[in-house]
Amino acid sequence: MTARGLRRGNWSVQELERLRLLLPQRGVEGTAALLRRSPESVRKRATKLWKGSLRRGEWTDEDEAVLRSAWGAVDPRLLGVILGRPAADVSRRAAALRAARRTGSWSHADLQALKRLYGTRSGSDLEVCLQRSVTDIETQASRMCLRKDKRFAKQQRRSGGSTTAPRWTPAEVQRLRTTYADRENIVVARLLGRSVASVANKAWQLGLQKSAAVLERIGRTNVAVRFRELG
């Protein structure tokens, strides 16, 4: 969008309400695009909207929910303004959440959060948002056929972040061909030293398919997980 197409001047009540809802989810750039405002305008208005006295002490469940939802989309300084806490406090809490990883089956809420956040967050950020390891996250994302958003990948490349794995060597491709059909993606990924998403993408490009036995085993596992969630 060109600068000429941006809204300027006072913010309406409706815009401020949308800002409250969008910013923790979409970040400054995404919110600016949706509101047709400049990123700088969004940042300034958010700082004014949430500005207040700083809080310290115990984190509430609501505080942590906002942090986990916004981490990776909103920088710690602005997130500190939203939460009414020093940026350093926010970063320390994020590190604690990353360290307190969970294992086991994914709840329905976990899966919905993964679906909502996966496309626009890095693996490191998702460890905070979901409190799961990158391997666990990539495995579940592969099962759900999730992909990174093109705009996010482009921004990562522009900022020097890495969203793509190194090129596949002929030897790696050959090993993928010989192991893919009879093993789950997470096992193949460990054998090749790659992410589950990288394995899934390359297998799709090569037209590889799982054997009937592996598909049946994966199906039984997914059904068991679904029954545990419902129970």
Protein backbone atom coordinates (compact mmCIF):
# COMPACT_ATOMS: atom_id res chain seq x y z
CA MET A 1 0.00 0.00 0.00
CA THR A 2 1.35 3.44 -0.89
CA ALA A 3 1.71 6.22 1.64
CA ARG A 4 -1.13 8.05 -0.14
CA GLY A 5 -3.54 5.22 0.70
CA LEU A 6 -2.84 5.33 4.44
CA ARG A 7 -5.29 6.76 6.95
CA ARG A 8 -4.09 9.80 8.83
CA GLY A 9 -5.34 12.01 11.63
CA ASN A 10 -7.35 11.07 14.71
CA TRP A 11 -8.16 7.46 15.51
CA SER A 12 -11.79 6.49 15.78
CA VAL A 13 -13.19 4.48 18.69
CA GLN A 14 -13.63 1.52 16.32
CA GLU A 15 -9.99 1.73 15.20
CA LEU A 16 -8.76 1.80 18.79
CA GLU A 17 -10.81 -1.28 19.62
CA ARG A 18 -9.40 -3.11 16.61
CA LEU A 19 -5.91 -2.02 17.65
CA ARG A 20 -6.43 -3.59 21.07
CA LEU A 21 -7.52 -6.87 19.49
CA LEU A 22 -5.10 -7.04 16.58
CA LEU A 23 -1.75 -5.87 17.94
CA PRO A 24 -1.00 -8.76 20.34
CA GLN A 25 -1.82 -11.22 17.55
CA ARG A 26 -0.53 -9.53 14.41
CA GLY A 27 2.30 -7.32 15.58
CA VAL A 28 2.95 -3.77 14.43
CA GLU A 29 3.41 -4.48 10.71
CA GLY A 30 0.39 -6.77 10.39
CA THR A 31 -1.85 -4.46 12.39
CA ALA A 32 -0.73 -1.45 10.35
CA ALA A 33 -1.62 -3.23 7.11
CA LEU A 34 -5.08 -4.20 8.36
CA LEU A 35 -5.86 -0.75 9.75
CA ARG A 36 -4.33 1.09 6.79
CA ARG A 37 -2.10 3.06 9.13
CA SER A 38 1.68 3.43 9.08
CA PRO A 39 3.67 1.15 11.43
CA GLU A 40 4.98 4.23 13.22
CA SER A 41 1.42 5.48 13.75
CA VAL A 42 0.40 2.11 15.17
CA ARG A 43 3.40 2.01 17.48
CA LYS A 44 2.81 5.52 18.82
CA ARG A 45 -0.92 5.00 19.32
CA ALA A 46 -0.36 1.66 21.07
CA THR A 47 2.17 3.22 23.42
CA LYS A 48 -0.31 5.96 24.30
CA LEU A 49 -3.24 3.56 24.57
CA TRP A 50 -1.58 1.14 26.98
CA LYS A 51 0.73 3.53 28.79
CA GLY A 52 0.39 3.38 32.55
CA SER A 53 2.32 2.65 35.73
CA LEU A 54 4.63 -0.35 35.65
CA ARG A 55 3.69 -3.44 37.62
CA ARG A 56 5.99 -5.99 39.22
CA GLY A 57 5.52 -9.17 41.16
CA GLU A 58 3.48 -12.24 40.37
CA TRP A 59 2.34 -12.90 36.82
CA THR A 60 -1.35 -13.69 36.43
CA ASP A 61 -2.69 -16.33 34.05
CA GLU A 62 -4.07 -13.50 31.92
CA ASP A 63 -0.64 -11.82 31.75
CA GLU A 64 0.98 -15.06 30.60
CA ALA A 65 -1.75 -15.66 28.03
CA VAL A 66 -1.07 -12.25 26.48
CA LEU A 67 2.68 -12.84 26.54
CA ARG A 68 2.42 -16.24 24.90
CA SER A 69 0.04 -14.98 22.24
CA ALA A 70 2.10 -11.88 21.38
CA TRP A 71 5.65 -13.22 21.71
CA GLY A 72 7.41 -13.02 18.35
CA ALA A 73 4.84 -10.63 16.89
CA VAL A 74 5.43 -7.69 19.26
CA ASP A 75 8.92 -6.63 20.39
CA PRO A 76 9.58 -6.91 24.15
CA ARG A 77 9.60 -3.13 24.70
CA LEU A 78 6.15 -2.60 23.23
CA LEU A 79 4.90 -5.82 24.80
CA GLY A 80 6.11 -4.44 28.12
CA VAL A 81 3.93 -1.37 27.56
CA ILE A 82 0.92 -3.59 26.80
CA LEU A 83 1.51 -5.67 29.93
CA GLY A 84 2.51 -2.73 32.11
CA ARG A 85 5.86 -4.35 32.90
CA PRO A 86 9.53 -3.53 32.22
CA ALA A 87 10.82 -5.06 28.97
CA ALA A 88 13.49 -6.95 30.91
CA ASP A 89 10.78 -8.52 33.09
CA VAL A 90 8.89 -9.59 29.96
CA SER A 91 12.01 -11.18 28.42
CA ARG A 92 12.80 -13.06 31.64
CA ARG A 93 9.26 -14.44 31.81
CA ALA A 94 9.46 -15.52 28.17
CA ALA A 95 12.69 -17.38 28.91
CA ALA A 96 11.02 -19.11 31.86
CA LEU A 97 8.09 -20.18 29.70
CA ARG A 98 10.46 -21.56 27.07
CA ALA A 99 12.32 -23.56 29.72
CA ALA A 100 9.07 -25.00 31.16
CA ARG A 101 8.34 -27.11 28.10
CA ARG A 102 5.40 -29.47 28.10
CA THR A 103 5.27 -32.93 26.58
CA GLY A 104 2.55 -35.44 25.82
CA SER A 105 -0.64 -35.13 23.81
CA TRP A 106 -1.82 -31.83 22.38
CA SER A 107 -5.11 -30.42 23.60
CA HIS A 108 -7.65 -28.91 21.22
CA ALA A 109 -6.64 -25.44 22.44
CA ASP A 110 -2.97 -26.24 21.80
CA LEU A 111 -3.73 -27.32 18.23
CA GLN A 112 -5.79 -24.22 17.58
CA ALA A 113 -2.97 -22.02 18.87
CA LEU A 114 -0.46 -23.83 16.67
CA LYS A 115 -2.69 -23.36 13.63
CA ARG A 116 -3.10 -19.67 14.40
CA LEU A 117 0.53 -18.87 15.19
CA TYR A 118 2.69 -21.23 13.14
CA GLY A 119 2.73 -19.25 9.91
CA THR A 120 4.05 -16.02 11.44
CA ARG A 121 6.41 -17.11 14.22
CA SER A 122 9.90 -18.58 14.26
CA GLY A 123 10.61 -21.91 15.93
CA SER A 124 12.29 -20.17 18.86
CA ASP A 125 9.32 -17.86 19.36
CA LEU A 126 6.87 -20.75 19.13
CA GLU A 127 8.70 -22.47 21.98
CA VAL A 128 7.52 -19.59 24.17
CA CYS A 129 4.04 -19.34 22.66
CA LEU A 130 3.30 -23.06 22.93
CA GLN A 131 5.79 -24.22 25.57
CA ARG A 132 6.79 -27.10 23.33
CA SER A 133 10.13 -28.05 21.77
CA VAL A 134 10.79 -27.11 18.15
CA THR A 135 10.87 -30.80 17.22
CA ASP A 136 7.47 -31.39 18.83
CA ILE A 137 6.06 -28.28 17.14
CA GLU A 138 7.40 -29.17 13.69
CA THR A 139 6.11 -32.73 13.98
CA GLN A 140 2.59 -31.56 14.78
CA ALA A 141 2.75 -28.82 12.13
CA SER A 142 3.69 -31.41 9.53
CA ARG A 143 0.75 -33.61 10.51
CA MET A 144 -1.55 -30.61 10.09
CA CYS A 145 0.12 -29.61 6.79
CA LEU A 146 0.93 -26.13 8.12
CA ARG A 147 3.33 -23.81 6.28
CA LYS A 148 5.00 -20.48 6.98
CA ASP A 149 3.27 -17.44 5.49
CA LYS A 150 5.05 -16.06 2.42
CA ARG A 151 5.13 -12.54 3.85
CA PHE A 152 6.66 -13.80 7.09
CA ALA A 153 9.32 -15.81 5.23
CA LYS A 154 10.18 -12.76 3.14
CA GLN A 155 10.51 -10.58 6.24
CA GLN A 156 12.75 -13.18 7.89
CA ARG A 157 15.06 -13.29 4.88
CA ARG A 158 15.20 -9.50 4.74
CA SER A 159 16.11 -9.27 8.43
CA GLY A 160 18.73 -11.98 8.17
CA GLY A 161 16.62 -14.69 9.81
CA SER A 162 16.63 -18.23 8.47
CA THR A 163 13.42 -19.89 7.36
CA THR A 164 14.86 -22.40 4.92
CA ALA A 165 17.17 -25.37 5.43
CA PRO A 166 20.41 -25.84 3.47
CA ARG A 167 20.14 -27.33 -0.01
CA TRP A 168 19.65 -31.06 -0.17
CA THR A 169 22.68 -33.02 -1.34
CA PRO A 170 22.25 -35.99 -3.74
CA ALA A 171 23.21 -38.32 -0.88
CA GLU A 172 20.50 -36.84 1.39
CA VAL A 173 17.90 -37.14 -1.35
CA GLN A 174 18.82 -40.79 -1.88
CA ARG A 175 18.58 -41.53 1.83
CA LEU A 176 15.22 -39.78 1.96
CA ARG A 177 13.98 -41.97 -0.89
CA THR A 178 15.05 -45.15 0.91
CA THR A 179 13.71 -44.24 4.36
CA TYR A 180 10.62 -42.09 3.82
CA ALA A 181 8.02 -44.76 3.01
CA ASP A 182 8.55 -46.96 6.07
CA ARG A 183 9.25 -44.39 8.80
CA GLU A 184 7.38 -41.47 10.34
CA ASN A 185 8.65 -38.02 9.39
CA ILE A 186 10.12 -37.29 12.80
CA VAL A 187 12.31 -40.41 12.55
CA VAL A 188 13.45 -39.52 9.03
CA ALA A 189 14.18 -35.95 10.17
CA ARG A 190 16.43 -37.22 12.95
CA LEU A 191 18.29 -39.54 10.57
CA LEU A 192 18.97 -36.67 8.18
CA GLY A 193 19.52 -33.94 10.75
CA ARG A 194 16.70 -31.83 9.29
CA SER A 195 13.39 -30.43 10.48
CA VAL A 196 10.18 -32.37 10.03
CA ALA A 197 8.84 -29.60 7.79
CA SER A 198 11.92 -29.82 5.56
CA VAL A 199 11.47 -33.59 5.20
CA ALA A 200 7.76 -33.24 4.43
CA ASN A 201 8.34 -30.53 1.83
CA LYS A 202 11.11 -32.42 0.03
CA ALA A 203 9.12 -35.65 0.02
CA TRP A 204 6.17 -33.79 -1.53
CA GLN A 205 8.45 -32.33 -4.22
CA LEU A 206 9.77 -35.82 -5.04
CA GLY A 207 6.31 -37.39 -5.03
CA LEU A 208 7.18 -39.80 -2.22
CA GLN A 209 4.44 -41.53 -0.25
CA LYS A 210 4.16 -43.41 3.02
CA SER A 211 3.54 -47.15 3.03
CA ALA A 212 0.10 -48.41 3.99
CA ALA A 213 1.50 -49.80 7.26
CA VAL A 214 2.94 -46.43 8.32
CA LEU A 215 -0.24 -44.57 7.39
CA GLU A 216 -2.28 -47.04 9.43
CA ARG A 217 0.03 -46.59 12.43
CA ILE A 218 -0.15 -42.79 12.17
CA GLY A 219 -3.94 -43.01 11.90
CA ARG A 220 -4.19 -45.12 15.05
CA THR A 221 -1.99 -42.65 16.92
CA ASN A 222 -4.10 -39.68 15.83
CA VAL A 223 -7.33 -41.43 16.84
CA ALA A 224 -5.86 -42.27 20.25
CA VAL A 225 -4.84 -38.64 20.76
CA ARG A 226 -8.31 -37.43 19.76
CA PHE A 227 -10.00 -39.80 22.23
CA ARG A 228 -7.71 -38.61 25.04
CA GLU A 229 -8.64 -34.99 24.24
CA LEU A 230 -12.36 -35.80 24.26
CA GLY A 231 -12.05 -37.80 27.46
